[in-house]
Amino acid sequence: MELAAQYASEPHYLALDMAGLLNEAAEDLTRLNPTSPDPAALHGRFLGWIRHVTGARSPIRSLGHFEC
């Protein structure tokens, strides 16, 4: 909730920051664990909640990219 409030006027920047953290986490998990992390689980944990909390459109669509 604190992150959503902090990025309330620009929720797409929240999505960009969280996507960067998702990439860092995926790299760390891959390095530390012989099996690859579940991409769907990481997406839900880092990006899946943003739209529900901020009320914004899909962060990916709002940036002009295709929707996953």
C-alpha atoms as a PDB file:
ATOM      1  CA  MET A   1       0.000   0.000   0.000  1.00  0.00           C
ATOM      2  CA  GLU A   2       2.911   2.342   0.706  1.00  0.00           C
ATOM      3  CA  LEU A   3       4.351   1.825  -2.769  1.00  0.00           C
ATOM      4  CA  ALA A   4       0.955   2.411  -4.387  1.00  0.00           C
ATOM      5  CA  ALA A   5       0.592   5.664  -2.456  1.00  0.00           C
ATOM      6  CA  GLN A   6       4.129   6.728  -3.286  1.00  0.00           C
ATOM      7  CA  TYR A   7       3.558   6.184  -7.023  1.00  0.00           C
ATOM      8  CA  ALA A   8      -0.116   7.255  -7.082  1.00  0.00           C
ATOM      9  CA  SER A   9       0.341   9.945  -9.720  1.00  0.00           C
ATOM     10  CA  GLU A  10       2.540   7.774 -11.985  1.00  0.00           C
ATOM     11  CA  PRO A  11       1.643   4.078 -11.522  1.00  0.00           C
ATOM     12  CA  HIS A  12       3.522   3.110 -14.686  1.00  0.00           C
ATOM     13  CA  TYR A  13       6.784   4.056 -12.933  1.00  0.00           C
ATOM     14  CA  LEU A  14       5.856   1.647 -10.154  1.00  0.00           C
ATOM     15  CA  ALA A  15       5.468  -1.079 -12.785  1.00  0.00           C
ATOM     16  CA  LEU A  16       8.859  -0.224 -14.281  1.00  0.00           C
ATOM     17  CA  ASP A  17      10.585  -0.274 -10.899  1.00  0.00           C
ATOM     18  CA  MET A  18       8.946  -3.552  -9.929  1.00  0.00           C
ATOM     19  CA  ALA A  19       9.870  -5.089 -13.306  1.00  0.00           C
ATOM     20  CA  GLY A  20      13.495  -4.202 -12.613  1.00  0.00           C
ATOM     21  CA  LEU A  21      13.280  -5.852  -9.212  1.00  0.00           C
ATOM     22  CA  LEU A  22      11.653  -8.907 -10.811  1.00  0.00           C
ATOM     23  CA  ASN A  23      14.641  -9.242 -13.139  1.00  0.00           C
ATOM     24  CA  GLU A  24      17.081  -8.951 -10.235  1.00  0.00           C
ATOM     25  CA  ALA A  25      15.162 -11.569  -8.263  1.00  0.00           C
ATOM     26  CA  ALA A  26      15.052 -13.954 -11.230  1.00  0.00           C
ATOM     27  CA  GLU A  27      18.818 -13.614 -11.708  1.00  0.00           C
ATOM     28  CA  ASP A  28      19.481 -14.171  -7.998  1.00  0.00           C
ATOM     29  CA  LEU A  29      17.152 -17.175  -7.814  1.00  0.00           C
ATOM     30  CA  THR A  30      18.687 -18.720 -10.924  1.00  0.00           C
ATOM     31  CA  ARG A  31      22.181 -18.261  -9.522  1.00  0.00           C
ATOM     32  CA  LEU A  32      21.291 -19.686  -6.106  1.00  0.00           C
ATOM     33  CA  ASN A  33      18.984 -22.495  -7.174  1.00  0.00           C
ATOM     34  CA  PRO A  34      19.667 -25.101  -9.877  1.00  0.00           C
ATOM     35  CA  THR A  35      16.040 -24.990 -11.075  1.00  0.00           C
ATOM     36  CA  SER A  36      14.670 -21.916 -12.792  1.00  0.00           C
ATOM     37  CA  PRO A  37      12.142 -19.812 -10.884  1.00  0.00           C
ATOM     38  CA  ASP A  38       8.497 -20.036 -11.961  1.00  0.00           C
ATOM     39  CA  PRO A  39       7.947 -17.000 -14.227  1.00  0.00           C
ATOM     40  CA  ALA A  40       4.198 -16.844 -13.514  1.00  0.00           C
ATOM     41  CA  ALA A  41       4.786 -16.833  -9.760  1.00  0.00           C
ATOM     42  CA  LEU A  42       7.396 -14.089 -10.036  1.00  0.00           C
ATOM     43  CA  HIS A  43       5.118 -12.010 -12.253  1.00  0.00           C
ATOM     44  CA  GLY A  44       2.266 -12.304  -9.764  1.00  0.00           C
ATOM     45  CA  ARG A  45       4.481 -11.402  -6.859  1.00  0.00           C
ATOM     46  CA  PHE A  46       6.173  -8.405  -8.478  1.00  0.00           C
ATOM     47  CA  LEU A  47       3.683  -7.077 -11.047  1.00  0.00           C
ATOM     48  CA  GLY A  48       0.329  -8.843 -10.699  1.00  0.00           C
ATOM     49  CA  TRP A  49      -0.872  -6.777  -7.754  1.00  0.00           C
ATOM     50  CA  ILE A  50      -0.171  -3.298  -9.155  1.00  0.00           C
ATOM     51  CA  ARG A  51      -3.346  -2.881 -11.202  1.00  0.00           C
ATOM     52  CA  HIS A  52      -5.522  -4.012  -8.308  1.00  0.00           C
ATOM     53  CA  VAL A  53      -3.955  -1.620  -5.816  1.00  0.00           C
ATOM     54  CA  THR A  54      -3.524   1.457  -8.008  1.00  0.00           C
ATOM     55  CA  GLY A  55      -6.654   1.079 -10.133  1.00  0.00           C
ATOM     56  CA  ALA A  56      -4.483   1.775 -13.182  1.00  0.00           C
ATOM     57  CA  ARG A  57      -4.892   0.139 -16.542  1.00  0.00           C
ATOM     58  CA  SER A  58      -2.507  -2.654 -17.344  1.00  0.00           C
ATOM     59  CA  PRO A  59       1.010  -1.254 -16.793  1.00  0.00           C
ATOM     60  CA  ILE A  60       2.220  -2.980 -19.947  1.00  0.00           C
ATOM     61  CA  ARG A  61      -0.600  -1.629 -22.116  1.00  0.00           C
ATOM     62  CA  SER A  62      -0.269   1.882 -20.703  1.00  0.00           C
ATOM     63  CA  LEU A  63       3.371   1.917 -21.800  1.00  0.00           C
ATOM     64  CA  GLY A  64       2.386   1.130 -25.379  1.00  0.00           C
ATOM     65  CA  HIS A  65       3.580  -2.470 -25.436  1.00  0.00           C
ATOM     66  CA  PHE A  66       1.663  -5.632 -26.128  1.00  0.00           C
ATOM     67  CA  GLU A  67      -0.290  -7.180 -23.303  1.00  0.00           C
ATOM     68  CA  CYS A  68       0.849 -10.529 -21.920  1.00  0.00           C
END
